[in-house]
Amino acid sequence: MGKASESYLWKTLNNNLKLRNKASEIKPAQRGKRIPLTFGQERLWLAEQSESGVPLHNMCDIFRLKVLWIKTLLKQVWKKSLKGMKF
């Protein structure tokens, strides 16, 4: 990092620290109607409606973990079984 960029960095950091204390509070905007859900939010809502209380949105991750675990286990079994064989 050159001296010019270091100087700019420190000026920016100092300026941000000064402004942080002067920043106004963020207030929610007044809305006349409901805001539409994102696609991801709709998926979670539908999953919750069909199976209330069941974390369906986590099932994909659980499946990936199981596949990784099984794959690792199969590799270990394969290596052990090949140790005793002569080719």
PDB file of N, CA and C in Angstrom:
ATOM      1  N   MET A   1       0.860  -1.171   0.000  1.00  0.00           N
ATOM      2  CA  MET A   1       0.000   0.000   0.000  1.00  0.00           C
ATOM      3  C   MET A   1       0.905   1.232   0.000  1.00  0.00           C
ATOM      4  N   GLY A   2       0.674   2.141  -0.933  1.00  0.00           N
ATOM      5  CA  GLY A   2       1.481   3.348  -1.028  1.00  0.00           C
ATOM      6  C   GLY A   2       1.063   4.382   0.000  1.00  0.00           C
ATOM      7  N   LYS A   3       1.906   5.419   0.141  1.00  0.00           N
ATOM      8  CA  LYS A   3       1.608   6.458   1.141  1.00  0.00           C
ATOM      9  C   LYS A   3       0.323   7.196   0.830  1.00  0.00           C
ATOM     10  N   ALA A   4       0.060   7.423  -0.470  1.00  0.00           N
ATOM     11  CA  ALA A   4      -1.167   8.143  -0.847  1.00  0.00           C
ATOM     12  C   ALA A   4      -2.400   7.349  -0.447  1.00  0.00           C
ATOM     13  N   SER A   5      -2.386   6.031  -0.715  1.00  0.00           N
ATOM     14  CA  SER A   5      -3.552   5.212  -0.378  1.00  0.00           C
ATOM     15  C   SER A   5      -3.690   5.039   1.131  1.00  0.00           C
ATOM     16  N   GLU A   6      -2.556   4.959   1.863  1.00  0.00           N
ATOM     17  CA  GLU A   6      -2.622   4.879   3.322  1.00  0.00           C
ATOM     18  C   GLU A   6      -3.231   6.149   3.901  1.00  0.00           C
ATOM     19  N   SER A   7      -2.803   7.287   3.354  1.00  0.00           N
ATOM     20  CA  SER A   7      -3.320   8.568   3.813  1.00  0.00           C
ATOM     21  C   SER A   7      -4.828   8.652   3.565  1.00  0.00           C
ATOM     22  N   TYR A   8      -5.261   8.228   2.381  1.00  0.00           N
ATOM     23  CA  TYR A   8      -6.682   8.235   2.041  1.00  0.00           C
ATOM     24  C   TYR A   8      -7.455   7.307   2.980  1.00  0.00           C
ATOM     25  N   LEU A   9      -6.868   6.130   3.252  1.00  0.00           N
ATOM     26  CA  LEU A   9      -7.513   5.161   4.139  1.00  0.00           C
ATOM     27  C   LEU A   9      -7.726   5.758   5.530  1.00  0.00           C
ATOM     28  N   TRP A  10      -6.690   6.364   6.102  1.00  0.00           N
ATOM     29  CA  TRP A  10      -6.817   6.935   7.438  1.00  0.00           C
ATOM     30  C   TRP A  10      -7.794   8.097   7.463  1.00  0.00           C
ATOM     31  N   LYS A  11      -7.778   8.924   6.420  1.00  0.00           N
ATOM     32  CA  LYS A  11      -8.741  10.033   6.361  1.00  0.00           C
ATOM     33  C   LYS A  11     -10.161   9.492   6.312  1.00  0.00           C
ATOM     34  N   THR A  12     -10.362   8.462   5.512  1.00  0.00           N
ATOM     35  CA  THR A  12     -11.695   7.866   5.390  1.00  0.00           C
ATOM     36  C   THR A  12     -12.141   7.258   6.720  1.00  0.00           C
ATOM     37  N   LEU A  13     -11.250   6.514   7.374  1.00  0.00           N
ATOM     38  CA  LEU A  13     -11.592   5.904   8.669  1.00  0.00           C
ATOM     39  C   LEU A  13     -11.925   6.961   9.713  1.00  0.00           C
ATOM     40  N   ASN A  14     -11.107   7.993   9.780  1.00  0.00           N
ATOM     41  CA  ASN A  14     -11.370   9.076  10.744  1.00  0.00           C
ATOM     42  C   ASN A  14     -12.694   9.767  10.446  1.00  0.00           C
ATOM     43  N   ASN A  15     -12.960  10.004   9.180  1.00  0.00           N
ATOM     44  CA  ASN A  15     -14.214  10.643   8.784  1.00  0.00           C
ATOM     45  C   ASN A  15     -15.409   9.769   9.161  1.00  0.00           C
ATOM     46  N   ASN A  16     -15.298   8.458   8.932  1.00  0.00           N
ATOM     47  CA  ASN A  16     -16.388   7.536   9.277  1.00  0.00           C
ATOM     48  C   ASN A  16     -16.631   7.499  10.782  1.00  0.00           C
ATOM     49  N   LEU A  17     -15.547   7.546  11.566  1.00  0.00           N
ATOM     50  CA  LEU A  17     -15.706   7.556  13.024  1.00  0.00           C
ATOM     51  C   LEU A  17     -16.413   8.821  13.497  1.00  0.00           C
ATOM     52  N   LYS A  18     -16.073   9.944  12.887  1.00  0.00           N
ATOM     53  CA  LYS A  18     -16.727  11.204  13.258  1.00  0.00           C
ATOM     54  C   LYS A  18     -18.208  11.180  12.882  1.00  0.00           C
ATOM     55  N   LEU A  19     -18.500  10.662  11.681  1.00  0.00           N
ATOM     56  CA  LEU A  19     -19.885  10.632  11.209  1.00  0.00           C
ATOM     57  C   LEU A  19     -20.730   9.610  11.955  1.00  0.00           C
ATOM     58  N   ARG A  20     -20.095   8.574  12.473  1.00  0.00           N
ATOM     59  CA  ARG A  20     -20.843   7.521  13.172  1.00  0.00           C
ATOM     60  C   ARG A  20     -21.616   8.095  14.342  1.00  0.00           C
ATOM     61  N   ASN A  21     -21.005   9.017  15.033  1.00  0.00           N
ATOM     62  CA  ASN A  21     -21.672   9.614  16.193  1.00  0.00           C
ATOM     63  C   ASN A  21     -22.759  10.607  15.780  1.00  0.00           C
ATOM     64  N   LYS A  22     -22.726  11.085  14.548  1.00  0.00           N
ATOM     65  CA  LYS A  22     -23.694  12.077  14.089  1.00  0.00           C
ATOM     66  C   LYS A  22     -24.799  11.461  13.235  1.00  0.00           C
ATOM     67  N   ALA A  23     -24.713  10.184  12.977  1.00  0.00           N
ATOM     68  CA  ALA A  23     -25.686   9.538  12.110  1.00  0.00           C
ATOM     69  C   ALA A  23     -27.067   9.553  12.752  1.00  0.00           C
ATOM     70  N   SER A  24     -28.072   9.798  11.940  1.00  0.00           N
ATOM     71  CA  SER A  24     -29.440   9.809  12.457  1.00  0.00           C
ATOM     72  C   SER A  24     -29.980   8.384  12.533  1.00  0.00           C
ATOM     73  N   GLU A  25     -30.964   8.220  13.353  1.00  0.00           N
ATOM     74  CA  GLU A  25     -31.577   6.909  13.541  1.00  0.00           C
ATOM     75  C   GLU A  25     -32.329   6.499  12.273  1.00  0.00           C
ATOM     76  N   ILE A  26     -32.220   5.242  11.907  1.00  0.00           N
ATOM     77  CA  ILE A  26     -32.955   4.735  10.743  1.00  0.00           C
ATOM     78  C   ILE A  26     -34.365   4.395  11.203  1.00  0.00           C
ATOM     79  N   LYS A  27     -35.339   4.990  10.548  1.00  0.00           N
ATOM     80  CA  LYS A  27     -36.736   4.760  10.912  1.00  0.00           C
ATOM     81  C   LYS A  27     -37.424   3.995   9.797  1.00  0.00           C
ATOM     82  N   PRO A  28     -38.357   3.121  10.144  1.00  0.00           N
ATOM     83  CA  PRO A  28     -39.063   2.378   9.105  1.00  0.00           C
ATOM     84  C   PRO A  28     -39.917   3.317   8.256  1.00  0.00           C
ATOM     85  N   ALA A  29     -39.973   3.026   6.983  1.00  0.00           N
ATOM     86  CA  ALA A  29     -40.763   3.838   6.064  1.00  0.00           C
ATOM     87  C   ALA A  29     -42.244   3.490   6.220  1.00  0.00           C
ATOM     88  N   GLN A  30     -43.091   4.456   6.040  1.00  0.00           N
ATOM     89  CA  GLN A  30     -44.528   4.224   6.081  1.00  0.00           C
ATOM     90  C   GLN A  30     -44.959   3.573   4.772  1.00  0.00           C
ATOM     91  N   ARG A  31     -45.693   2.503   4.870  1.00  0.00           N
ATOM     92  CA  ARG A  31     -46.136   1.788   3.669  1.00  0.00           C
ATOM     93  C   ARG A  31     -47.648   1.622   3.732  1.00  0.00           C
ATOM     94  N   GLY A  32     -48.252   1.778   2.594  1.00  0.00           N
ATOM     95  CA  GLY A  32     -49.692   1.631   2.528  1.00  0.00           C
ATOM     96  C   GLY A  32     -50.138   0.203   2.290  1.00  0.00           C
ATOM     97  N   LYS A  33     -49.238  -0.629   1.783  1.00  0.00           N
ATOM     98  CA  LYS A  33     -49.610  -2.019   1.504  1.00  0.00           C
ATOM     99  C   LYS A  33     -48.457  -2.934   1.887  1.00  0.00           C
ATOM    100  N   ARG A  34     -48.707  -4.235   1.834  1.00  0.00           N
ATOM    101  CA  ARG A  34     -47.689  -5.212   2.193  1.00  0.00           C
ATOM    102  C   ARG A  34     -46.599  -5.274   1.123  1.00  0.00           C
ATOM    103  N   ILE A  35     -45.392  -5.548   1.554  1.00  0.00           N
ATOM    104  CA  ILE A  35     -44.269  -5.709   0.637  1.00  0.00           C
ATOM    105  C   ILE A  35     -44.247  -7.175   0.197  1.00  0.00           C
ATOM    106  N   PRO A  36     -44.088  -7.440  -1.099  1.00  0.00           N
ATOM    107  CA  PRO A  36     -44.064  -8.837  -1.555  1.00  0.00           C
ATOM    108  C   PRO A  36     -42.842  -9.574  -1.020  1.00  0.00           C
ATOM    109  N   LEU A  37     -43.014 -10.869  -0.783  1.00  0.00           N
ATOM    110  CA  LEU A  37     -41.920 -11.700  -0.298  1.00  0.00           C
ATOM    111  C   LEU A  37     -40.946 -12.000  -1.426  1.00  0.00           C
ATOM    112  N   THR A  38     -39.698 -12.276  -1.059  1.00  0.00           N
ATOM    113  CA  THR A  38     -38.726 -12.736  -2.048  1.00  0.00           C
ATOM    114  C   THR A  38     -39.020 -14.201  -2.356  1.00  0.00           C
ATOM    115  N   PHE A  39     -38.397 -14.720  -3.414  1.00  0.00           N
ATOM    116  CA  PHE A  39     -38.609 -16.119  -3.782  1.00  0.00           C
ATOM    117  C   PHE A  39     -38.199 -17.044  -2.632  1.00  0.00           C
ATOM    118  N   GLY A  40     -37.064 -16.754  -2.006  1.00  0.00           N
ATOM    119  CA  GLY A  40     -36.596 -17.574  -0.891  1.00  0.00           C
ATOM    120  C   GLY A  40     -37.542 -17.539   0.297  1.00  0.00           C
ATOM    121  N   GLN A  41     -38.095 -16.370   0.585  1.00  0.00           N
ATOM    122  CA  GLN A  41     -39.053 -16.244   1.683  1.00  0.00           C
ATOM    123  C   GLN A  41     -40.341 -17.013   1.367  1.00  0.00           C
ATOM    124  N   GLU A  42     -40.771 -16.972   0.110  1.00  0.00           N
ATOM    125  CA  GLU A  42     -41.970 -17.727  -0.285  1.00  0.00           C
ATOM    126  C   GLU A  42     -41.748 -19.224  -0.101  1.00  0.00           C
ATOM    127  N   ARG A  43     -40.563 -19.707  -0.488  1.00  0.00           N
ATOM    128  CA  ARG A  43     -40.252 -21.129  -0.334  1.00  0.00           C
ATOM    129  C   ARG A  43     -40.304 -21.534   1.135  1.00  0.00           C
ATOM    130  N   LEU A  44     -39.707 -20.722   2.006  1.00  0.00           N
ATOM    131  CA  LEU A  44     -39.728 -21.042   3.432  1.00  0.00           C
ATOM    132  C   LEU A  44     -41.143 -21.019   3.986  1.00  0.00           C
ATOM    133  N   TRP A  45     -41.940 -20.049   3.546  1.00  0.00           N
ATOM    134  CA  TRP A  45     -43.320 -19.949   4.012  1.00  0.00           C
ATOM    135  C   TRP A  45     -44.112 -21.181   3.575  1.00  0.00           C
ATOM    136  N   LEU A  46     -43.949 -21.589   2.303  1.00  0.00           N
ATOM    137  CA  LEU A  46     -44.662 -22.773   1.806  1.00  0.00           C
ATOM    138  C   LEU A  46     -44.234 -24.032   2.552  1.00  0.00           C
ATOM    139  N   ALA A  47     -42.941 -24.165   2.811  1.00  0.00           N
ATOM    140  CA  ALA A  47     -42.451 -25.333   3.545  1.00  0.00           C
ATOM    141  C   ALA A  47     -43.041 -25.367   4.945  1.00  0.00           C
ATOM    142  N   GLU A  48     -43.117 -24.221   5.579  1.00  0.00           N
ATOM    143  CA  GLU A  48     -43.674 -24.148   6.935  1.00  0.00           C
ATOM    144  C   GLU A  48     -45.167 -24.466   6.924  1.00  0.00           C
ATOM    145  N   GLN A  49     -45.888 -24.060   5.883  1.00  0.00           N
ATOM    146  CA  GLN A  49     -47.330 -24.328   5.805  1.00  0.00           C
ATOM    147  C   GLN A  49     -47.606 -25.815   5.603  1.00  0.00           C
ATOM    148  N   SER A  50     -46.781 -26.474   4.787  1.00  0.00           N
ATOM    149  CA  SER A  50     -47.036 -27.889   4.501  1.00  0.00           C
ATOM    150  C   SER A  50     -46.611 -28.798   5.653  1.00  0.00           C
ATOM    151  N   GLU A  51     -45.531 -28.481   6.311  1.00  0.00           N
ATOM    152  CA  GLU A  51     -45.039 -29.290   7.428  1.00  0.00           C
ATOM    153  C   GLU A  51     -44.691 -28.370   8.585  1.00  0.00           C
ATOM    154  N   SER A  52     -45.676 -27.954   9.318  1.00  0.00           N
ATOM    155  CA  SER A  52     -45.464 -26.998  10.404  1.00  0.00           C
ATOM    156  C   SER A  52     -44.539 -27.570  11.474  1.00  0.00           C
ATOM    157  N   GLY A  53     -43.507 -26.785  11.810  1.00  0.00           N
ATOM    158  CA  GLY A  53     -42.582 -27.188  12.855  1.00  0.00           C
ATOM    159  C   GLY A  53     -41.439 -28.064  12.393  1.00  0.00           C
ATOM    160  N   VAL A  54     -41.460 -28.519  11.133  1.00  0.00           N
ATOM    161  CA  VAL A  54     -40.389 -29.361  10.603  1.00  0.00           C
ATOM    162  C   VAL A  54     -39.460 -28.479   9.765  1.00  0.00           C
ATOM    163  N   PRO A  55     -38.176 -28.430  10.086  1.00  0.00           N
ATOM    164  CA  PRO A  55     -37.261 -27.549   9.360  1.00  0.00           C
ATOM    165  C   PRO A  55     -36.872 -28.088   7.978  1.00  0.00           C
ATOM    166  N   LEU A  56     -37.820 -28.064   7.041  1.00  0.00           N
ATOM    167  CA  LEU A  56     -37.558 -28.599   5.704  1.00  0.00           C
ATOM    168  C   LEU A  56     -36.441 -27.862   4.988  1.00  0.00           C
ATOM    169  N   HIS A  57     -36.287 -26.584   5.286  1.00  0.00           N
ATOM    170  CA  HIS A  57     -35.260 -25.816   4.591  1.00  0.00           C
ATOM    171  C   HIS A  57     -33.852 -26.285   4.932  1.00  0.00           C
ATOM    172  N   ASN A  58     -33.693 -27.071   5.986  1.00  0.00           N
ATOM    173  CA  ASN A  58     -32.379 -27.598   6.351  1.00  0.00           C
ATOM    174  C   ASN A  58     -32.133 -29.004   5.811  1.00  0.00           C
ATOM    175  N   MET A  59     -33.141 -29.635   5.265  1.00  0.00           N
ATOM    176  CA  MET A  59     -33.022 -31.024   4.834  1.00  0.00           C
ATOM    177  C   MET A  59     -31.964 -31.216   3.754  1.00  0.00           C
ATOM    178  N   CYS A  60     -31.833 -30.273   2.861  1.00  0.00           N
ATOM    179  CA  CYS A  60     -30.857 -30.386   1.785  1.00  0.00           C
ATOM    180  C   CYS A  60     -29.441 -30.457   2.358  1.00  0.00           C
ATOM    181  N   ASP A  61     -29.150 -29.632   3.352  1.00  0.00           N
ATOM    182  CA  ASP A  61     -27.836 -29.648   3.985  1.00  0.00           C
ATOM    183  C   ASP A  61     -27.583 -30.966   4.709  1.00  0.00           C
ATOM    184  N   ILE A  62     -28.598 -31.495   5.351  1.00  0.00           N
ATOM    185  CA  ILE A  62     -28.464 -32.774   6.043  1.00  0.00           C
ATOM    186  C   ILE A  62     -28.153 -33.866   5.033  1.00  0.00           C
ATOM    187  N   PHE A  63     -28.827 -33.836   3.886  1.00  0.00           N
ATOM    188  CA  PHE A  63     -28.592 -34.836   2.855  1.00  0.00           C
ATOM    189  C   PHE A  63     -27.150 -34.755   2.361  1.00  0.00           C
ATOM    190  N   ARG A  64     -26.640 -33.528   2.139  1.00  0.00           N
ATOM    191  CA  ARG A  64     -25.258 -33.363   1.687  1.00  0.00           C
ATOM    192  C   ARG A  64     -24.277 -33.926   2.706  1.00  0.00           C
ATOM    193  N   LEU A  65     -24.542 -33.688   3.986  1.00  0.00           N
ATOM    194  CA  LEU A  65     -23.667 -34.207   5.032  1.00  0.00           C
ATOM    195  C   LEU A  65     -23.680 -35.729   5.046  1.00  0.00           C
ATOM    196  N   LYS A  66     -24.861 -36.325   4.899  1.00  0.00           N
ATOM    197  CA  LYS A  66     -24.963 -37.783   4.884  1.00  0.00           C
ATOM    198  C   LYS A  66     -24.210 -38.364   3.698  1.00  0.00           C
ATOM    199  N   VAL A  67     -24.349 -37.740   2.524  1.00  0.00           N
ATOM    200  CA  VAL A  67     -23.661 -38.218   1.331  1.00  0.00           C
ATOM    201  C   VAL A  67     -22.150 -38.135   1.529  1.00  0.00           C
ATOM    202  N   LEU A  68     -21.667 -37.028   2.091  1.00  0.00           N
ATOM    203  CA  LEU A  68     -20.233 -36.887   2.357  1.00  0.00           C
ATOM    204  C   LEU A  68     -19.751 -37.961   3.331  1.00  0.00           C
ATOM    205  N   TRP A  69     -20.547 -38.200   4.377  1.00  0.00           N
ATOM    206  CA  TRP A  69     -20.179 -39.192   5.376  1.00  0.00           C
ATOM    207  C   TRP A  69     -20.133 -40.584   4.756  1.00  0.00           C
ATOM    208  N   ILE A  70     -21.138 -40.915   3.968  1.00  0.00           N
ATOM    209  CA  ILE A  70     -21.194 -42.240   3.326  1.00  0.00           C
ATOM    210  C   ILE A  70     -20.040 -42.396   2.340  1.00  0.00           C
ATOM    211  N   LYS A  71     -19.752 -41.339   1.591  1.00  0.00           N
ATOM    212  CA  LYS A  71     -18.661 -41.378   0.618  1.00  0.00           C
ATOM    213  C   LYS A  71     -17.326 -41.625   1.322  1.00  0.00           C
ATOM    214  N   THR A  72     -17.096 -40.944   2.424  1.00  0.00           N
ATOM    215  CA  THR A  72     -15.861 -41.129   3.195  1.00  0.00           C
ATOM    216  C   THR A  72     -15.793 -42.541   3.763  1.00  0.00           C
ATOM    217  N   LEU A  73     -16.897 -43.023   4.282  1.00  0.00           N
ATOM    218  CA  LEU A  73     -16.958 -44.364   4.842  1.00  0.00           C
ATOM    219  C   LEU A  73     -16.679 -45.416   3.770  1.00  0.00           C
ATOM    220  N   LEU A  74     -17.265 -45.264   2.603  1.00  0.00           N
ATOM    221  CA  LEU A  74     -17.038 -46.219   1.515  1.00  0.00           C
ATOM    222  C   LEU A  74     -15.584 -46.222   1.058  1.00  0.00           C
ATOM    223  N   LYS A  75     -14.956 -45.055   1.012  1.00  0.00           N
ATOM    224  CA  LYS A  75     -13.537 -44.995   0.647  1.00  0.00           C
ATOM    225  C   LYS A  75     -12.691 -45.767   1.647  1.00  0.00           C
ATOM    226  N   GLN A  76     -12.986 -45.594   2.947  1.00  0.00           N
ATOM    227  CA  GLN A  76     -12.224 -46.296   3.984  1.00  0.00           C
ATOM    228  C   GLN A  76     -12.409 -47.804   3.872  1.00  0.00           C
ATOM    229  N   VAL A  77     -13.634 -48.245   3.653  1.00  0.00           N
ATOM    230  CA  VAL A  77     -13.919 -49.681   3.517  1.00  0.00           C
ATOM    231  C   VAL A  77     -13.209 -50.229   2.289  1.00  0.00           C
ATOM    232  N   TRP A  78     -13.248 -49.506   1.189  1.00  0.00           N
ATOM    233  CA  TRP A  78     -12.606 -49.938  -0.056  1.00  0.00           C
ATOM    234  C   TRP A  78     -11.098 -50.095   0.135  1.00  0.00           C
ATOM    235  N   LYS A  79     -10.470 -49.107   0.795  1.00  0.00           N
ATOM    236  CA  LYS A  79      -9.027 -49.176   1.034  1.00  0.00           C
ATOM    237  C   LYS A  79      -8.664 -50.373   1.928  1.00  0.00           C
ATOM    238  N   LYS A  80      -9.461 -50.601   2.962  1.00  0.00           N
ATOM    239  CA  LYS A  80      -9.183 -51.726   3.870  1.00  0.00           C
ATOM    240  C   LYS A  80      -9.374 -53.056   3.158  1.00  0.00           C
ATOM    241  N   SER A  81     -10.368 -53.147   2.313  1.00  0.00           N
ATOM    242  CA  SER A  81     -10.611 -54.414   1.623  1.00  0.00           C
ATOM    243  C   SER A  81      -9.535 -54.686   0.584  1.00  0.00           C
ATOM    244  N   LEU A  82      -8.956 -53.654  -0.003  1.00  0.00           N
ATOM    245  CA  LEU A  82      -7.906 -53.855  -1.001  1.00  0.00           C
ATOM    246  C   LEU A  82      -6.561 -54.190  -0.368  1.00  0.00           C
ATOM    247  N   LYS A  83      -6.351 -53.882   0.904  1.00  0.00           N
ATOM    248  CA  LYS A  83      -5.090 -54.133   1.571  1.00  0.00           C
ATOM    249  C   LYS A  83      -4.770 -55.637   1.593  1.00  0.00           C
ATOM    250  N   GLY A  84      -5.747 -56.471   1.823  1.00  0.00           N
ATOM    251  CA  GLY A  84      -5.538 -57.903   1.932  1.00  0.00           C
ATOM    252  C   GLY A  84      -5.456 -58.625   0.597  1.00  0.00           C
ATOM    253  N   MET A  85      -5.813 -57.970  -0.487  1.00  0.00           N
ATOM    254  CA  MET A  85      -5.817 -58.622  -1.805  1.00  0.00           C
ATOM    255  C   MET A  85      -4.475 -58.460  -2.505  1.00  0.00           C
ATOM    256  N   LYS A  86      -4.144 -59.469  -3.270  1.00  0.00           N
ATOM    257  CA  LYS A  86      -2.927 -59.417  -4.071  1.00  0.00           C
ATOM    258  C   LYS A  86      -3.322 -59.463  -5.534  1.00  0.00           C
ATOM    259  N   PHE A  87      -2.713 -58.590  -6.330  1.00  0.00           N
ATOM    260  CA  PHE A  87      -3.037 -58.528  -7.760  1.00  0.00           C
ATOM    261  C   PHE A  87      -1.868 -58.991  -8.586  1.00  0.00           C
TER     262      PHE A  87
END
